[in-house]
Amino acid sequence: MSSKNNNKLNVPEARAAMDKFKMQSANEVGVNLKEGYNGDLTSREAGSVGGQMVKKMIESYEKSL
């Protein structure tokens, strides 16, 4: 099984900003996320990072209304 990242961004230049956002979200929920391979994370840890990112995006959108 390959560990190649198949996620596509609509704006490729946004990759660095998304990586920074992911690292900040991981730090906020106490997950030790590192650059590169993170296959040692549990599903719960990985899900909490994604959930925190979604939560912050929703909060940002609601503030802009």
PDB file of N, CA and C in Angstrom:
ATOM      1  N   MET A   1       0.845  -1.180   0.000  1.00  0.00           N
ATOM      2  CA  MET A   1       0.000   0.000   0.000  1.00  0.00           C
ATOM      3  C   MET A   1       0.888   1.241   0.000  1.00  0.00           C
ATOM      4  N   SER A   2       0.587   2.177  -0.835  1.00  0.00           N
ATOM      5  CA  SER A   2       1.361   3.404  -0.968  1.00  0.00           C
ATOM      6  C   SER A   2       0.897   4.450   0.030  1.00  0.00           C
ATOM      7  N   SER A   3       1.823   5.265   0.535  1.00  0.00           N
ATOM      8  CA  SER A   3       1.462   6.345   1.450  1.00  0.00           C
ATOM      9  C   SER A   3       1.378   7.673   0.717  1.00  0.00           C
ATOM     10  N   LYS A   4       1.225   7.625  -0.604  1.00  0.00           N
ATOM     11  CA  LYS A   4       1.125   8.834  -1.414  1.00  0.00           C
ATOM     12  C   LYS A   4      -0.148   9.597  -1.072  1.00  0.00           C
ATOM     13  N   ASN A   5      -0.028  10.902  -0.910  1.00  0.00           N
ATOM     14  CA  ASN A   5      -1.159  11.751  -0.577  1.00  0.00           C
ATOM     15  C   ASN A   5      -1.933  12.086  -1.846  1.00  0.00           C
ATOM     16  N   ASN A   6      -3.170  11.652  -1.939  1.00  0.00           N
ATOM     17  CA  ASN A   6      -3.988  11.900  -3.120  1.00  0.00           C
ATOM     18  C   ASN A   6      -4.948  13.064  -2.949  1.00  0.00           C
ATOM     19  N   ASN A   7      -4.861  13.788  -1.830  1.00  0.00           N
ATOM     20  CA  ASN A   7      -5.752  14.927  -1.626  1.00  0.00           C
ATOM     21  C   ASN A   7      -5.390  16.041  -2.590  1.00  0.00           C
ATOM     22  N   LYS A   8      -6.396  16.596  -3.235  1.00  0.00           N
ATOM     23  CA  LYS A   8      -6.182  17.662  -4.202  1.00  0.00           C
ATOM     24  C   LYS A   8      -6.779  18.959  -3.667  1.00  0.00           C
ATOM     25  N   LEU A   9      -6.019  20.036  -3.763  1.00  0.00           N
ATOM     26  CA  LEU A   9      -6.517  21.353  -3.397  1.00  0.00           C
ATOM     27  C   LEU A   9      -6.929  22.077  -4.672  1.00  0.00           C
ATOM     28  N   ASN A  10      -7.985  22.859  -4.586  1.00  0.00           N
ATOM     29  CA  ASN A  10      -8.406  23.644  -5.743  1.00  0.00           C
ATOM     30  C   ASN A  10      -7.373  24.696  -6.099  1.00  0.00           C
ATOM     31  N   VAL A  11      -6.680  25.206  -5.094  1.00  0.00           N
ATOM     32  CA  VAL A  11      -5.623  26.195  -5.299  1.00  0.00           C
ATOM     33  C   VAL A  11      -4.323  25.588  -4.766  1.00  0.00           C
ATOM     34  N   PRO A  12      -3.497  25.030  -5.640  1.00  0.00           N
ATOM     35  CA  PRO A  12      -2.285  24.350  -5.184  1.00  0.00           C
ATOM     36  C   PRO A  12      -1.376  25.218  -4.311  1.00  0.00           C
ATOM     37  N   GLU A  13      -1.394  26.514  -4.515  1.00  0.00           N
ATOM     38  CA  GLU A  13      -0.566  27.426  -3.733  1.00  0.00           C
ATOM     39  C   GLU A  13      -0.997  27.471  -2.266  1.00  0.00           C
ATOM     40  N   ALA A  14      -2.161  26.935  -1.950  1.00  0.00           N
ATOM     41  CA  ALA A  14      -2.676  26.957  -0.584  1.00  0.00           C
ATOM     42  C   ALA A  14      -2.125  25.811   0.263  1.00  0.00           C
ATOM     43  N   ARG A  15      -1.329  24.932  -0.299  1.00  0.00           N
ATOM     44  CA  ARG A  15      -0.817  23.762   0.419  1.00  0.00           C
ATOM     45  C   ARG A  15      -0.106  24.155   1.710  1.00  0.00           C
ATOM     46  N   ALA A  16       0.784  25.136   1.668  1.00  0.00           N
ATOM     47  CA  ALA A  16       1.539  25.541   2.862  1.00  0.00           C
ATOM     48  C   ALA A  16       0.609  26.075   3.944  1.00  0.00           C
ATOM     49  N   ALA A  17      -0.384  26.865   3.554  1.00  0.00           N
ATOM     50  CA  ALA A  17      -1.331  27.410   4.523  1.00  0.00           C
ATOM     51  C   ALA A  17      -2.164  26.295   5.155  1.00  0.00           C
ATOM     52  N   MET A  18      -2.577  25.320   4.359  1.00  0.00           N
ATOM     53  CA  MET A  18      -3.354  24.200   4.893  1.00  0.00           C
ATOM     54  C   MET A  18      -2.501  23.340   5.835  1.00  0.00           C
ATOM     55  N   ASP A  19      -1.246  23.139   5.496  1.00  0.00           N
ATOM     56  CA  ASP A  19      -0.359  22.373   6.376  1.00  0.00           C
ATOM     57  C   ASP A  19      -0.171  23.098   7.710  1.00  0.00           C
ATOM     58  N   LYS A  20      -0.006  24.417   7.653  1.00  0.00           N
ATOM     59  CA  LYS A  20       0.142  25.201   8.878  1.00  0.00           C
ATOM     60  C   LYS A  20      -1.132  25.128   9.717  1.00  0.00           C
ATOM     61  N   PHE A  21      -2.279  25.241   9.064  1.00  0.00           N
ATOM     62  CA  PHE A  21      -3.578  25.164   9.738  1.00  0.00           C
ATOM     63  C   PHE A  21      -3.747  23.794  10.409  1.00  0.00           C
ATOM     64  N   LYS A  22      -3.337  22.738   9.714  1.00  0.00           N
ATOM     65  CA  LYS A  22      -3.439  21.385  10.254  1.00  0.00           C
ATOM     66  C   LYS A  22      -2.554  21.233  11.496  1.00  0.00           C
ATOM     67  N   MET A  23      -1.326  21.759  11.427  1.00  0.00           N
ATOM     68  CA  MET A  23      -0.415  21.670  12.572  1.00  0.00           C
ATOM     69  C   MET A  23      -0.952  22.448  13.770  1.00  0.00           C
ATOM     70  N   GLN A  24      -1.526  23.627  13.537  1.00  0.00           N
ATOM     71  CA  GLN A  24      -2.105  24.423  14.623  1.00  0.00           C
ATOM     72  C   GLN A  24      -3.279  23.682  15.258  1.00  0.00           C
ATOM     73  N   SER A  25      -4.127  23.098  14.434  1.00  0.00           N
ATOM     74  CA  SER A  25      -5.285  22.362  14.942  1.00  0.00           C
ATOM     75  C   SER A  25      -4.846  21.148  15.748  1.00  0.00           C
ATOM     76  N   ALA A  26      -3.829  20.444  15.282  1.00  0.00           N
ATOM     77  CA  ALA A  26      -3.310  19.287  16.011  1.00  0.00           C
ATOM     78  C   ALA A  26      -2.764  19.716  17.366  1.00  0.00           C
ATOM     79  N   ASN A  27      -2.065  20.827  17.391  1.00  0.00           N
ATOM     80  CA  ASN A  27      -1.513  21.338  18.641  1.00  0.00           C
ATOM     81  C   ASN A  27      -2.629  21.686  19.626  1.00  0.00           C
ATOM     82  N   GLU A  28      -3.715  22.265  19.132  1.00  0.00           N
ATOM     83  CA  GLU A  28      -4.832  22.666  19.988  1.00  0.00           C
ATOM     84  C   GLU A  28      -5.530  21.474  20.641  1.00  0.00           C
ATOM     85  N   VAL A  29      -5.583  20.344  19.952  1.00  0.00           N
ATOM     86  CA  VAL A  29      -6.244  19.166  20.518  1.00  0.00           C
ATOM     87  C   VAL A  29      -5.251  18.198  21.156  1.00  0.00           C
ATOM     88  N   GLY A  30      -3.968  18.573  21.191  1.00  0.00           N
ATOM     89  CA  GLY A  30      -2.960  17.779  21.872  1.00  0.00           C
ATOM     90  C   GLY A  30      -2.480  16.558  21.119  1.00  0.00           C
ATOM     91  N   VAL A  31      -2.526  16.595  19.802  1.00  0.00           N
ATOM     92  CA  VAL A  31      -2.050  15.476  18.980  1.00  0.00           C
ATOM     93  C   VAL A  31      -0.651  15.809  18.474  1.00  0.00           C
ATOM     94  N   ASN A  32       0.275  14.874  18.640  1.00  0.00           N
ATOM     95  CA  ASN A  32       1.657  15.069  18.227  1.00  0.00           C
ATOM     96  C   ASN A  32       1.787  14.789  16.730  1.00  0.00           C
ATOM     97  N   LEU A  33       1.449  15.789  15.919  1.00  0.00           N
ATOM     98  CA  LEU A  33       1.526  15.661  14.464  1.00  0.00           C
ATOM     99  C   LEU A  33       2.904  16.141  14.023  1.00  0.00           C
ATOM    100  N   LYS A  34       3.515  15.417  13.113  1.00  0.00           N
ATOM    101  CA  LYS A  34       4.837  15.807  12.633  1.00  0.00           C
ATOM    102  C   LYS A  34       4.816  15.929  11.116  1.00  0.00           C
ATOM    103  N   GLU A  35       5.822  16.585  10.572  1.00  0.00           N
ATOM    104  CA  GLU A  35       5.946  16.713   9.123  1.00  0.00           C
ATOM    105  C   GLU A  35       6.166  15.331   8.527  1.00  0.00           C
ATOM    106  N   GLY A  36       5.551  15.060   7.403  1.00  0.00           N
ATOM    107  CA  GLY A  36       5.741  13.776   6.739  1.00  0.00           C
ATOM    108  C   GLY A  36       4.763  12.720   7.208  1.00  0.00           C
ATOM    109  N   TYR A  37       5.268  11.515   7.379  1.00  0.00           N
ATOM    110  CA  TYR A  37       4.451  10.346   7.684  1.00  0.00           C
ATOM    111  C   TYR A  37       3.884  10.400   9.102  1.00  0.00           C
ATOM    112  N   ASN A  38       2.561  10.203   9.234  1.00  0.00           N
ATOM    113  CA  ASN A  38       1.898  10.180  10.529  1.00  0.00           C
ATOM    114  C   ASN A  38       1.033   8.942  10.681  1.00  0.00           C
ATOM    115  N   GLY A  39       1.459   7.840  10.085  1.00  0.00           N
ATOM    116  CA  GLY A  39       0.697   6.605  10.126  1.00  0.00           C
ATOM    117  C   GLY A  39       0.612   5.967  11.500  1.00  0.00           C
ATOM    118  N   ASP A  40       1.387   6.488  12.448  1.00  0.00           N
ATOM    119  CA  ASP A  40       1.342   5.944  13.796  1.00  0.00           C
ATOM    120  C   ASP A  40       0.220   6.566  14.633  1.00  0.00           C
ATOM    121  N   LEU A  41      -0.519   7.526  14.081  1.00  0.00           N
ATOM    122  CA  LEU A  41      -1.644   8.124  14.795  1.00  0.00           C
ATOM    123  C   LEU A  41      -2.828   7.163  14.805  1.00  0.00           C
ATOM    124  N   THR A  42      -3.592   7.212  15.877  1.00  0.00           N
ATOM    125  CA  THR A  42      -4.818   6.421  15.915  1.00  0.00           C
ATOM    126  C   THR A  42      -5.881   7.124  15.082  1.00  0.00           C
ATOM    127  N   SER A  43      -6.919   6.396  14.741  1.00  0.00           N
ATOM    128  CA  SER A  43      -8.034   7.001  13.998  1.00  0.00           C
ATOM    129  C   SER A  43      -8.665   8.118  14.812  1.00  0.00           C
ATOM    130  N   ARG A  44      -8.742   7.919  16.108  1.00  0.00           N
ATOM    131  CA  ARG A  44      -9.327   8.930  16.993  1.00  0.00           C
ATOM    132  C   ARG A  44      -8.499  10.219  16.952  1.00  0.00           C
ATOM    133  N   GLU A  45      -7.172  10.096  17.003  1.00  0.00           N
ATOM    134  CA  GLU A  45      -6.307  11.276  16.972  1.00  0.00           C
ATOM    135  C   GLU A  45      -6.425  12.007  15.631  1.00  0.00           C
ATOM    136  N   ALA A  46      -6.361  11.254  14.551  1.00  0.00           N
ATOM    137  CA  ALA A  46      -6.464  11.864  13.229  1.00  0.00           C
ATOM    138  C   ALA A  46      -7.827  12.532  13.047  1.00  0.00           C
ATOM    139  N   GLY A  47      -8.870  11.881  13.515  1.00  0.00           N
ATOM    140  CA  GLY A  47     -10.215  12.445  13.411  1.00  0.00           C
ATOM    141  C   GLY A  47     -10.385  13.697  14.240  1.00  0.00           C
ATOM    142  N   SER A  48      -9.721  13.753  15.393  1.00  0.00           N
ATOM    143  CA  SER A  48      -9.846  14.950  16.227  1.00  0.00           C
ATOM    144  C   SER A  48      -9.183  16.141  15.561  1.00  0.00           C
ATOM    145  N   VAL A  49      -8.105  15.909  14.819  1.00  0.00           N
ATOM    146  CA  VAL A  49      -7.449  17.007  14.091  1.00  0.00           C
ATOM    147  C   VAL A  49      -8.382  17.515  13.000  1.00  0.00           C
ATOM    148  N   GLY A  50      -8.940  16.606  12.205  1.00  0.00           N
ATOM    149  CA  GLY A  50      -9.868  17.005  11.144  1.00  0.00           C
ATOM    150  C   GLY A  50     -11.100  17.690  11.701  1.00  0.00           C
ATOM    151  N   GLY A  51     -11.610  17.170  12.802  1.00  0.00           N
ATOM    152  CA  GLY A  51     -12.783  17.783  13.433  1.00  0.00           C
ATOM    153  C   GLY A  51     -12.502  19.183  13.919  1.00  0.00           C
ATOM    154  N   GLN A  52     -11.314  19.393  14.485  1.00  0.00           N
ATOM    155  CA  GLN A  52     -10.936  20.733  14.955  1.00  0.00           C
ATOM    156  C   GLN A  52     -10.814  21.694  13.777  1.00  0.00           C
ATOM    157  N   MET A  53     -10.277  21.206  12.671  1.00  0.00           N
ATOM    158  CA  MET A  53     -10.152  22.060  11.480  1.00  0.00           C
ATOM    159  C   MET A  53     -11.528  22.482  10.976  1.00  0.00           C
ATOM    160  N   VAL A  54     -12.461  21.534  10.903  1.00  0.00           N
ATOM    161  CA  VAL A  54     -13.819  21.844  10.445  1.00  0.00           C
ATOM    162  C   VAL A  54     -14.489  22.823  11.399  1.00  0.00           C
ATOM    163  N   LYS A  55     -14.331  22.593  12.692  1.00  0.00           N
ATOM    164  CA  LYS A  55     -14.918  23.482  13.695  1.00  0.00           C
ATOM    165  C   LYS A  55     -14.427  24.917  13.506  1.00  0.00           C
ATOM    166  N   LYS A  56     -13.123  25.082  13.304  1.00  0.00           N
ATOM    167  CA  LYS A  56     -12.559  26.416  13.123  1.00  0.00           C
ATOM    168  C   LYS A  56     -13.027  27.058  11.816  1.00  0.00           C
ATOM    169  N   MET A  57     -13.176  26.257  10.758  1.00  0.00           N
ATOM    170  CA  MET A  57     -13.647  26.795   9.479  1.00  0.00           C
ATOM    171  C   MET A  57     -15.098  27.268   9.602  1.00  0.00           C
ATOM    172  N   ILE A  58     -15.914  26.505  10.311  1.00  0.00           N
ATOM    173  CA  ILE A  58     -17.322  26.890  10.511  1.00  0.00           C
ATOM    174  C   ILE A  58     -17.405  28.156  11.337  1.00  0.00           C
ATOM    175  N   GLU A  59     -16.607  28.247  12.406  1.00  0.00           N
ATOM    176  CA  GLU A  59     -16.597  29.452  13.234  1.00  0.00           C
ATOM    177  C   GLU A  59     -16.196  30.677  12.423  1.00  0.00           C
ATOM    178  N   SER A  60     -15.193  30.507  11.569  1.00  0.00           N
ATOM    179  CA  SER A  60     -14.731  31.616  10.729  1.00  0.00           C
ATOM    180  C   SER A  60     -15.834  32.053   9.765  1.00  0.00           C
ATOM    181  N   TYR A  61     -16.510  31.088   9.167  1.00  0.00           N
ATOM    182  CA  TYR A  61     -17.591  31.410   8.234  1.00  0.00           C
ATOM    183  C   TYR A  61     -18.730  32.137   8.946  1.00  0.00           C
ATOM    184  N   GLU A  62     -19.096  31.654  10.125  1.00  0.00           N
ATOM    185  CA  GLU A  62     -20.200  32.281  10.873  1.00  0.00           C
ATOM    186  C   GLU A  62     -19.866  33.711  11.258  1.00  0.00           C
ATOM    187  N   LYS A  63     -18.606  33.978  11.585  1.00  0.00           N
ATOM    188  CA  LYS A  63     -18.198  35.340  11.924  1.00  0.00           C
ATOM    189  C   LYS A  63     -18.281  36.268  10.733  1.00  0.00           C
ATOM    190  N   SER A  64     -18.125  35.707   9.527  1.00  0.00           N
ATOM    191  CA  SER A  64     -18.156  36.541   8.328  1.00  0.00           C
ATOM    192  C   SER A  64     -19.572  36.872   7.854  1.00  0.00           C
ATOM    193  N   LEU A  65     -20.578  36.238   8.459  1.00  0.00           N
ATOM    194  CA  LEU A  65     -21.964  36.501   8.042  1.00  0.00           C
ATOM    195  C   LEU A  65     -22.458  37.839   8.531  1.00  0.00           C
TER     196      LEU A  65
END
